[in-house]
């Protein structure tokens, strides 16, 4: 009988610890950075960013990956596939550009965008796969020049 009580208490304690871990862990791990209020580590034009990655991908992955960067460029395409808001910026390289995965709270700004419009995007650089990838982006609209 004592073994059953001890086993039950240990099982209950383990279940309690697993619940605490399950619900408390997201509060401390992988919480998204507040991009809008964070200072960018690099400010660059989309043409230069794409050129850098094409010329030496390994070097610029080390330099930019995981950092908040601010990119100025012109809108090439706006996409709403798979419930994600994506803006692609032009580059002088015809086959590559900058893919910006926009935060959901930026929906009004995305809807007001037009192709060839100049914008500034701040986001976390994830690297280069034919295009430069920016995640959790915040849009700063710029007047066309």
Protein backbone atom coordinates (compact mmCIF):
# COMPACT_ATOMS: atom_id res chain seq x y z
CA UNK A 1 0.00 0.00 0.00
CA UNK A 2 2.84 2.42 0.85
CA UNK A 3 4.46 1.69 -2.54
CA UNK A 4 1.25 2.67 -4.32
CA UNK A 5 1.03 5.96 -2.39
CA UNK A 6 4.70 6.79 -3.11
CA UNK A 7 4.25 5.88 -6.79
CA UNK A 8 1.11 8.02 -6.99
CA UNK A 9 2.83 11.03 -5.34
CA UNK A 10 5.86 10.79 -7.62
CA UNK A 11 3.61 10.46 -10.70
CA UNK A 12 1.55 13.45 -9.62
CA UNK A 13 4.70 15.52 -9.04
CA UNK A 14 6.06 14.59 -12.49
CA UNK A 15 2.79 15.51 -14.17
CA UNK A 16 2.78 18.84 -12.32
CA UNK A 17 6.38 19.59 -13.39
CA UNK A 18 5.61 18.68 -17.01
CA UNK A 19 2.62 21.04 -17.01
CA UNK A 20 4.67 23.88 -15.53
CA UNK A 21 7.41 23.28 -18.12
CA UNK A 22 4.90 23.12 -20.99
CA UNK A 23 3.11 26.36 -20.09
CA UNK A 24 6.05 28.41 -18.76
CA UNK A 25 8.66 27.57 -21.41
CA UNK A 26 7.18 29.78 -24.19
CA UNK A 27 7.46 32.78 -21.89
CA UNK A 28 11.24 32.46 -21.75
CA UNK A 29 12.31 30.82 -25.01
CA UNK A 30 11.98 32.08 -28.58
CA UNK A 31 9.94 35.13 -27.72
CA UNK A 32 9.94 37.32 -30.85
CA UNK A 33 11.93 40.51 -30.69
CA UNK A 34 10.04 43.77 -30.88
CA UNK A 35 11.40 44.76 -34.29
CA UNK A 36 9.67 48.13 -34.48
CA UNK A 37 11.32 49.50 -31.34
CA UNK A 38 14.67 47.72 -31.73
CA UNK A 39 17.64 49.45 -33.26
CA UNK A 40 18.84 47.95 -36.51
CA UNK A 41 22.43 46.75 -36.64
CA UNK A 42 22.80 47.42 -40.37
CA UNK A 43 21.08 49.81 -42.80
CA UNK A 44 21.48 48.91 -46.48
CA UNK A 45 19.82 49.21 -49.90
CA UNK A 46 18.27 46.05 -51.37
CA UNK A 47 20.59 46.18 -54.43
CA UNK A 48 23.69 46.24 -52.25
CA UNK A 49 22.39 43.52 -49.91
CA UNK A 50 21.68 41.09 -52.76
CA UNK A 51 25.01 41.92 -54.46
CA UNK A 52 26.87 41.23 -51.20
CA UNK A 53 25.27 37.80 -50.76
CA UNK A 54 25.85 36.84 -54.40
CA UNK A 55 29.51 37.91 -54.28
CA UNK A 56 30.40 36.13 -51.00
CA UNK A 57 27.50 34.29 -49.38
CA UNK A 58 29.50 32.76 -46.52
CA UNK A 59 31.04 36.08 -45.44
CA UNK A 60 27.76 37.96 -45.49
CA UNK A 61 25.84 35.15 -43.79
CA UNK A 62 28.21 35.56 -40.85
CA UNK A 63 27.82 39.33 -41.00
CA UNK A 64 24.02 39.61 -41.35
CA UNK A 65 22.34 36.33 -40.31
CA UNK A 66 20.30 36.58 -37.12
CA UNK A 67 20.68 40.36 -36.92
CA UNK A 68 18.08 43.08 -37.27
CA UNK A 69 18.74 44.89 -40.53
CA UNK A 70 17.01 47.79 -42.22
CA UNK A 71 16.60 47.52 -45.99
CA UNK A 72 15.47 50.27 -48.36
CA UNK A 73 14.11 49.20 -51.71
CA UNK A 74 11.28 49.22 -54.21
CA UNK A 75 8.31 46.85 -54.02
CA UNK A 76 8.38 44.19 -56.73
CA UNK A 77 5.55 41.96 -55.54
CA UNK A 78 3.08 41.56 -52.67
CA UNK A 79 1.86 38.08 -51.72
CA UNK A 80 -0.67 36.70 -49.23
CA UNK A 81 -0.04 32.95 -49.73
CA UNK A 82 -0.51 30.50 -46.82
CA UNK A 83 -1.81 33.22 -44.47
CA UNK A 84 1.53 35.04 -44.54
CA UNK A 85 2.08 38.57 -45.76
CA UNK A 86 5.14 38.77 -47.97
CA UNK A 87 6.72 41.68 -49.81
CA UNK A 88 9.48 41.14 -52.35
CA UNK A 89 11.89 44.00 -53.04
CA UNK A 90 13.65 44.55 -56.37
CA UNK A 91 17.38 44.27 -56.86
CA UNK A 92 19.56 45.10 -59.86
CA UNK A 93 20.21 41.38 -60.14
CA UNK A 94 17.22 40.24 -62.18
CA UNK A 95 16.90 36.78 -60.61
CA UNK A 96 17.27 37.66 -56.92
CA UNK A 97 15.59 40.05 -54.52
CA UNK A 98 14.75 40.48 -50.85
CA UNK A 99 11.82 38.44 -49.49
CA UNK A 100 10.27 40.14 -46.45
CA UNK A 101 7.90 38.11 -44.25
CA UNK A 102 5.78 40.90 -42.75
CA UNK A 103 4.32 40.86 -39.24
CA UNK A 104 0.53 40.38 -39.10
CA UNK A 105 0.03 43.74 -37.36
CA UNK A 106 1.31 45.48 -40.52
CA UNK A 107 -1.74 44.45 -42.61
CA UNK A 108 -2.99 48.03 -43.18
CA UNK A 109 0.41 49.14 -44.44
CA UNK A 110 0.69 46.13 -46.75
CA UNK A 111 -2.73 46.83 -48.24
CA UNK A 112 -1.68 50.41 -49.02
CA UNK A 113 1.50 49.32 -50.85
CA UNK A 114 1.85 49.52 -54.61
CA UNK A 115 4.45 47.97 -56.88
CA UNK A 116 7.51 50.19 -57.52
CA UNK A 117 6.83 52.06 -54.26
CA UNK A 118 9.89 52.88 -52.16
CA UNK A 119 9.76 51.43 -48.63
CA UNK A 120 12.03 50.77 -45.70
CA UNK A 121 11.74 47.34 -44.07
CA UNK A 122 13.26 46.30 -40.76
CA UNK A 123 13.53 42.59 -39.97
CA UNK A 124 15.69 39.67 -38.89
CA UNK A 125 17.96 38.42 -41.67
CA UNK A 126 17.88 34.63 -42.03
CA UNK A 127 20.28 34.30 -44.93
CA UNK A 128 20.27 33.72 -48.66
CA UNK A 129 18.50 31.10 -50.78
CA UNK A 130 18.37 32.64 -54.27
CA UNK A 131 16.83 35.63 -52.44
CA UNK A 132 17.73 37.30 -49.16
CA UNK A 133 15.21 36.28 -46.47
CA UNK A 134 13.98 38.71 -43.79
CA UNK A 135 11.54 37.56 -41.08
CA UNK A 136 9.24 39.41 -38.65
CA UNK A 137 9.48 42.57 -40.75
CA UNK A 138 8.14 45.99 -39.88
CA UNK A 139 7.33 48.38 -42.76
CA UNK A 140 8.22 52.07 -42.76
CA UNK A 141 6.55 53.75 -45.74
CA UNK A 142 8.70 56.24 -47.64
CA UNK A 143 7.59 58.85 -50.13
CA UNK A 144 8.51 57.98 -53.73
CA UNK A 145 11.53 59.87 -54.93
